[in-house]
């Protein structure tokens, strides 16, 4: 992730330099001999903000989604609008850039670095926000949060069946503690997805089974289903399944902290 950010910042620095050079080259060569001073120029802090906004605007304008939503958006008029929103003109911006380019090149590099710093900070905030959104989830588990065995609540209380009606990632997590004296035959979890085909038949796809460790210690288990298109898919199974289905008195274990989380796919 940070490598990608560094690549973006490198591209950003190159783009800003090109932006400045184009602005300077857009004027006649005789301007080089013109008297350049700091009068009526954009202050450095304001220049950093202005160049930052211009770069962001350039990135937005070239983004495919923005082009699709606003096909008539004109880049030149957008740049002029941003400059004017900051209270300056294109001529003032050109004069400022020329001054730094010809008279204060080291200060111009410092301005570039400040722009990169501002963009880097924005990039970090965006990445943090995206990661926060990605990890935001809701618990789809409708049963109890804790199941003791021997079972006192029914024949099969830890079974589940969740309709996956949205694209995204669904993850079942829980903690299982199975004691050494538990006499269940290969206790573990069985999970599968299923849907009904056009003929009305149920089509199942079993996930990798989880077998529990009988050491009296809590162990966390999980299984994940990724849905890329909604087509009447269900996520079902049993958190405590056994091979020979022994009577309850032979069990000595419990399941807790059960959660089926949904995380949407970020495009």
Protein backbone atom coordinates (compact mmCIF):
# COMPACT_ATOMS: atom_id res chain seq x y z
CA UNK A 1 0.00 0.00 0.00
CA UNK A 2 2.75 2.44 0.90
CA UNK A 3 4.69 1.47 -2.24
CA UNK A 4 1.64 2.38 -4.31
CA UNK A 5 1.43 5.70 -2.45
CA UNK A 6 5.08 6.46 -3.19
CA UNK A 7 4.48 5.74 -6.87
CA UNK A 8 1.50 8.09 -6.84
CA UNK A 9 3.56 10.82 -5.18
CA UNK A 10 6.36 10.39 -7.72
CA UNK A 11 3.84 10.74 -10.51
CA UNK A 12 2.39 13.73 -8.69
CA UNK A 13 5.73 15.50 -8.52
CA UNK A 14 6.31 14.90 -12.21
CA UNK A 15 2.81 16.17 -13.05
CA UNK A 16 3.28 19.34 -10.99
CA UNK A 17 6.61 20.09 -12.64
CA UNK A 18 5.05 19.60 -16.07
CA UNK A 19 2.17 21.89 -15.04
CA UNK A 20 4.61 24.63 -14.05
CA UNK A 21 6.76 24.23 -17.15
CA UNK A 22 3.74 24.39 -19.43
CA UNK A 23 2.61 27.57 -17.75
CA UNK A 24 6.04 29.12 -18.23
CA UNK A 25 6.50 27.90 -21.81
CA UNK A 26 3.07 29.25 -22.67
CA UNK A 27 4.51 32.76 -22.62
CA UNK A 28 6.88 34.27 -25.15
CA UNK A 29 10.62 33.85 -24.82
CA UNK A 30 11.02 37.58 -24.35
CA UNK A 31 9.34 37.22 -20.94
CA UNK A 32 12.59 35.80 -19.64
CA UNK A 33 14.13 39.22 -19.88
CA UNK A 34 11.15 40.91 -18.25
CA UNK A 35 11.61 42.30 -14.81
CA UNK A 36 10.38 39.78 -12.29
CA UNK A 37 9.73 40.69 -8.69
CA UNK A 38 7.48 39.66 -5.82
CA UNK A 39 4.97 42.48 -6.29
CA UNK A 40 1.41 41.33 -6.92
CA UNK A 41 2.38 37.66 -6.71
CA UNK A 42 0.70 34.77 -4.95
CA UNK A 43 2.06 34.19 -1.42
CA UNK A 44 3.85 30.88 -0.98
CA UNK A 45 1.25 29.31 1.33
CA UNK A 46 -1.56 30.27 -1.02
CA UNK A 47 0.45 28.99 -3.98
CA UNK A 48 0.80 25.59 -2.33
CA UNK A 49 -2.96 25.41 -1.78
CA UNK A 50 -3.67 26.52 -5.34
CA UNK A 51 -1.27 24.03 -6.96
CA UNK A 52 -2.65 21.26 -4.75
CA UNK A 53 -6.21 22.00 -5.88
CA UNK A 54 -5.12 22.18 -9.52
CA UNK A 55 -3.50 18.77 -9.32
CA UNK A 56 -6.54 17.24 -7.62
CA UNK A 57 -8.77 18.78 -10.29
CA UNK A 58 -6.53 17.34 -13.00
CA UNK A 59 -6.83 13.89 -11.46
CA UNK A 60 -10.61 14.14 -11.17
CA UNK A 61 -11.10 15.39 -14.71
CA UNK A 62 -9.12 12.48 -16.14
CA UNK A 63 -10.94 9.89 -14.01
CA UNK A 64 -13.21 7.64 -16.16
CA UNK A 65 -16.19 7.94 -13.80
CA UNK A 66 -16.02 11.75 -13.79
CA UNK A 67 -15.76 11.75 -17.59
CA UNK A 68 -18.82 9.54 -17.73
CA UNK A 69 -20.85 11.69 -15.33
CA UNK A 70 -19.70 15.03 -16.74
CA UNK A 71 -18.76 14.43 -20.41
CA UNK A 72 -18.84 18.14 -21.23
CA UNK A 73 -16.44 19.11 -18.43
CA UNK A 74 -13.67 21.30 -19.84
CA UNK A 75 -10.25 21.13 -18.16
CA UNK A 76 -9.13 24.65 -19.11
CA UNK A 77 -12.27 26.32 -17.78
CA UNK A 78 -12.00 24.19 -14.64
CA UNK A 79 -8.42 25.37 -14.02
CA UNK A 80 -9.44 28.99 -14.53
CA UNK A 81 -12.36 28.53 -12.15
CA UNK A 82 -10.08 27.09 -9.43
CA UNK A 83 -7.59 29.92 -9.81
CA UNK A 84 -10.38 32.48 -9.56
CA UNK A 85 -11.87 30.70 -6.52
CA UNK A 86 -8.55 31.29 -4.79
CA UNK A 87 -8.84 34.98 -5.64
CA UNK A 88 -6.23 35.17 -8.41
CA UNK A 89 -5.92 35.23 -12.19
CA UNK A 90 -4.08 33.03 -14.65
CA UNK A 91 -1.71 35.90 -15.36
CA UNK A 92 -0.87 36.24 -11.66
CA UNK A 93 -0.21 32.51 -11.41
CA UNK A 94 2.03 32.61 -14.49
CA UNK A 95 3.98 35.56 -13.11
CA UNK A 96 4.43 33.82 -9.75
CA UNK A 97 5.65 30.58 -11.28
CA UNK A 98 8.05 32.41 -13.59
CA UNK A 99 9.50 34.32 -10.68
CA UNK A 100 10.26 31.20 -8.71
CA UNK A 101 11.44 29.28 -11.78
CA UNK A 102 13.96 31.94 -12.89
CA UNK A 103 14.86 33.67 -9.63
CA UNK A 104 14.18 31.20 -6.79
CA UNK A 105 14.44 27.63 -8.16
CA UNK A 106 15.30 26.16 -4.76
CA UNK A 107 12.23 27.78 -3.24
CA UNK A 108 10.19 26.36 -6.11
CA UNK A 109 11.42 22.88 -5.21
CA UNK A 110 10.40 23.57 -1.62
CA UNK A 111 6.94 24.59 -2.86
CA UNK A 112 6.71 21.33 -4.84
CA UNK A 113 7.60 19.38 -1.71
CA UNK A 114 4.91 21.19 0.27
CA UNK A 115 2.36 20.35 -2.42
CA UNK A 116 3.48 16.72 -2.32
CA UNK A 117 3.23 16.78 1.46
CA UNK A 118 -0.34 18.07 1.28
CA UNK A 119 -1.28 15.44 -1.31
CA UNK A 120 0.44 12.72 0.71
CA UNK A 121 -1.53 13.69 3.80
CA UNK A 122 -4.77 13.61 1.80
CA UNK A 123 -3.81 10.22 0.38
CA UNK A 124 -3.21 8.87 3.89
CA UNK A 125 -6.59 10.17 5.09
CA UNK A 126 -8.36 8.63 2.07
CA UNK A 127 -6.65 5.27 2.57
CA UNK A 128 -7.56 5.31 6.26
CA UNK A 129 -11.18 6.16 5.43
CA UNK A 130 -11.36 3.41 2.81
CA UNK A 131 -9.91 0.86 5.19
CA UNK A 132 -12.38 1.96 7.84
CA UNK A 133 -15.26 1.55 5.39
CA UNK A 134 -14.00 -1.83 4.28
CA UNK A 135 -13.83 -3.09 7.84
CA UNK A 136 -17.23 -1.73 8.78
CA UNK A 137 -19.46 -4.75 8.97
CA UNK A 138 -22.72 -5.95 10.39
CA UNK A 139 -23.39 -9.16 12.26
CA UNK A 140 -25.81 -11.37 10.33
CA UNK A 141 -25.82 -14.15 12.89
CA UNK A 142 -29.41 -14.51 14.11
CA UNK A 143 -28.86 -17.21 16.72
CA UNK A 144 -27.44 -17.16 20.21
CA UNK A 145 -23.97 -15.88 20.96
CA UNK A 146 -23.18 -18.86 23.20
CA UNK A 147 -24.03 -22.56 22.88
CA UNK A 148 -23.11 -25.06 25.63
CA UNK A 149 -22.94 -28.77 25.00
CA UNK A 150 -24.61 -30.97 26.25
CA UNK A 151 -27.34 -29.11 24.43
CA UNK A 152 -30.21 -27.91 26.59
CA UNK A 153 -31.86 -25.73 23.96
CA UNK A 154 -32.91 -28.13 21.22
CA UNK A 155 -31.76 -30.86 18.88
CA UNK A 156 -29.74 -28.62 16.56
CA UNK A 157 -29.45 -25.06 17.91
CA UNK A 158 -26.20 -24.15 16.18
CA UNK A 159 -27.43 -24.55 12.63
CA UNK A 160 -27.68 -21.48 10.42
CA UNK A 161 -29.01 -20.38 7.06
CA UNK A 162 -28.26 -16.85 5.84
CA UNK A 163 -29.50 -15.40 2.56
CA UNK A 164 -26.64 -13.59 0.85
CA UNK A 165 -28.56 -10.86 -0.92
CA UNK A 166 -25.64 -8.49 -1.60
CA UNK A 167 -22.30 -8.76 -3.29
CA UNK A 168 -19.39 -8.70 -0.90
CA UNK A 169 -17.54 -10.86 1.61
CA UNK A 170 -19.32 -12.88 4.29
CA UNK A 171 -17.19 -14.30 7.09
CA UNK A 172 -18.32 -16.63 9.85
CA UNK A 173 -16.11 -16.50 12.94
CA UNK A 174 -16.51 -18.08 16.36
CA UNK A 175 -14.60 -19.58 19.25
CA UNK A 176 -14.93 -23.28 20.08
CA UNK A 177 -13.71 -24.95 23.28
CA UNK A 178 -13.81 -28.73 23.25
CA UNK A 179 -12.63 -30.58 26.35
CA UNK A 180 -10.58 -33.78 26.23
CA UNK A 181 -13.43 -35.86 27.71
CA UNK A 182 -15.80 -34.85 24.90
CA UNK A 183 -16.86 -38.14 23.27
CA UNK A 184 -18.26 -36.64 20.06
CA UNK A 185 -17.11 -38.24 16.83
CA UNK A 186 -14.93 -35.67 15.02
CA UNK A 187 -16.78 -32.57 16.21
CA UNK A 188 -16.47 -29.61 13.91
CA UNK A 189 -18.27 -27.22 11.63
CA UNK A 190 -19.93 -28.03 8.34
CA UNK A 191 -20.74 -25.10 6.03
CA UNK A 192 -21.90 -24.78 2.47
CA UNK A 193 -23.53 -22.43 0.00
CA UNK A 194 -26.59 -23.38 -1.99
CA UNK A 195 -29.03 -22.02 -4.51
CA UNK A 196 -32.04 -23.28 -6.42
CA UNK A 197 -31.47 -23.76 -10.14
CA UNK A 198 -34.01 -23.21 -12.93
CA UNK A 199 -35.25 -26.79 -12.50
CA UNK A 200 -36.00 -26.25 -8.83
CA UNK A 201 -33.09 -28.39 -7.65
CA UNK A 202 -30.90 -27.32 -4.75
CA UNK A 203 -27.26 -26.99 -5.75
CA UNK A 204 -24.77 -27.13 -2.89
CA UNK A 205 -21.09 -26.23 -2.67
CA UNK A 206 -19.41 -27.39 0.53
CA UNK A 207 -16.69 -25.29 2.12
CA UNK A 208 -13.59 -26.70 3.77
CA UNK A 209 -14.73 -28.39 7.03
CA UNK A 210 -13.31 -27.29 10.37
CA UNK A 211 -12.40 -29.99 12.91
CA UNK A 212 -12.14 -28.87 16.51
CA UNK A 213 -9.17 -29.44 18.80
CA UNK A 214 -10.00 -31.36 21.98
CA UNK A 215 -7.66 -29.73 24.44
CA UNK A 216 -10.01 -27.69 26.63
CA UNK A 217 -8.61 -24.46 25.21
CA UNK A 218 -10.54 -21.83 23.20
CA UNK A 219 -9.73 -21.78 19.49
CA UNK A 220 -11.04 -19.32 16.93
CA UNK A 221 -12.32 -20.66 13.61
CA UNK A 222 -13.56 -18.89 10.50
CA UNK A 223 -14.78 -19.48 6.99
CA UNK A 224 -15.44 -16.97 4.24
CA UNK A 225 -17.80 -16.73 1.28
CA UNK A 226 -17.28 -14.13 -1.45
CA UNK A 227 -20.33 -13.19 -3.50
CA UNK A 228 -19.56 -11.41 -6.77
CA UNK A 229 -23.10 -11.51 -8.16
CA UNK A 230 -26.44 -11.93 -6.43
CA UNK A 231 -28.23 -15.09 -7.57
CA UNK A 232 -30.34 -16.39 -4.69
CA UNK A 233 -27.35 -17.75 -2.76
CA UNK A 234 -27.61 -19.02 0.82
CA UNK A 235 -24.83 -19.64 3.34
CA UNK A 236 -25.80 -22.49 5.62
CA UNK A 237 -24.46 -25.23 7.88
CA UNK A 238 -23.96 -26.33 11.45
CA UNK A 239 -21.39 -24.95 13.86
CA UNK A 240 -21.36 -28.16 15.90
CA UNK A 241 -21.66 -31.23 13.69
CA UNK A 242 -20.47 -34.74 14.56
CA UNK A 243 -19.82 -37.91 12.63
CA UNK A 244 -22.04 -40.34 14.53
CA UNK A 245 -24.30 -37.80 16.23
CA UNK A 246 -23.85 -39.14 19.78
CA UNK A 247 -26.24 -38.35 22.61
CA UNK A 248 -25.86 -35.00 24.36
CA UNK A 249 -24.36 -36.43 27.55
CA UNK A 250 -21.25 -37.47 25.62
CA UNK A 251 -20.47 -33.88 24.63
CA UNK A 252 -18.41 -31.47 26.69
CA UNK A 253 -17.78 -28.26 24.82
CA UNK A 254 -19.17 -24.84 24.06
CA UNK A 255 -19.26 -22.38 21.16
CA UNK A 256 -19.16 -18.61 21.73
CA UNK A 257 -18.51 -15.21 20.13
CA UNK A 258 -20.35 -16.22 16.97
CA UNK A 259 -20.51 -13.67 14.20
CA UNK A 260 -21.31 -13.62 10.51
CA UNK A 261 -19.87 -10.35 9.23
CA UNK A 262 -20.58 -8.74 5.90
CA UNK A 263 -18.11 -6.44 4.22
CA UNK A 264 -19.07 -4.74 1.00
CA UNK A 265 -16.76 -4.74 -1.97
CA UNK A 266 -15.09 -1.38 -2.61
CA UNK A 267 -14.76 -0.79 -6.33
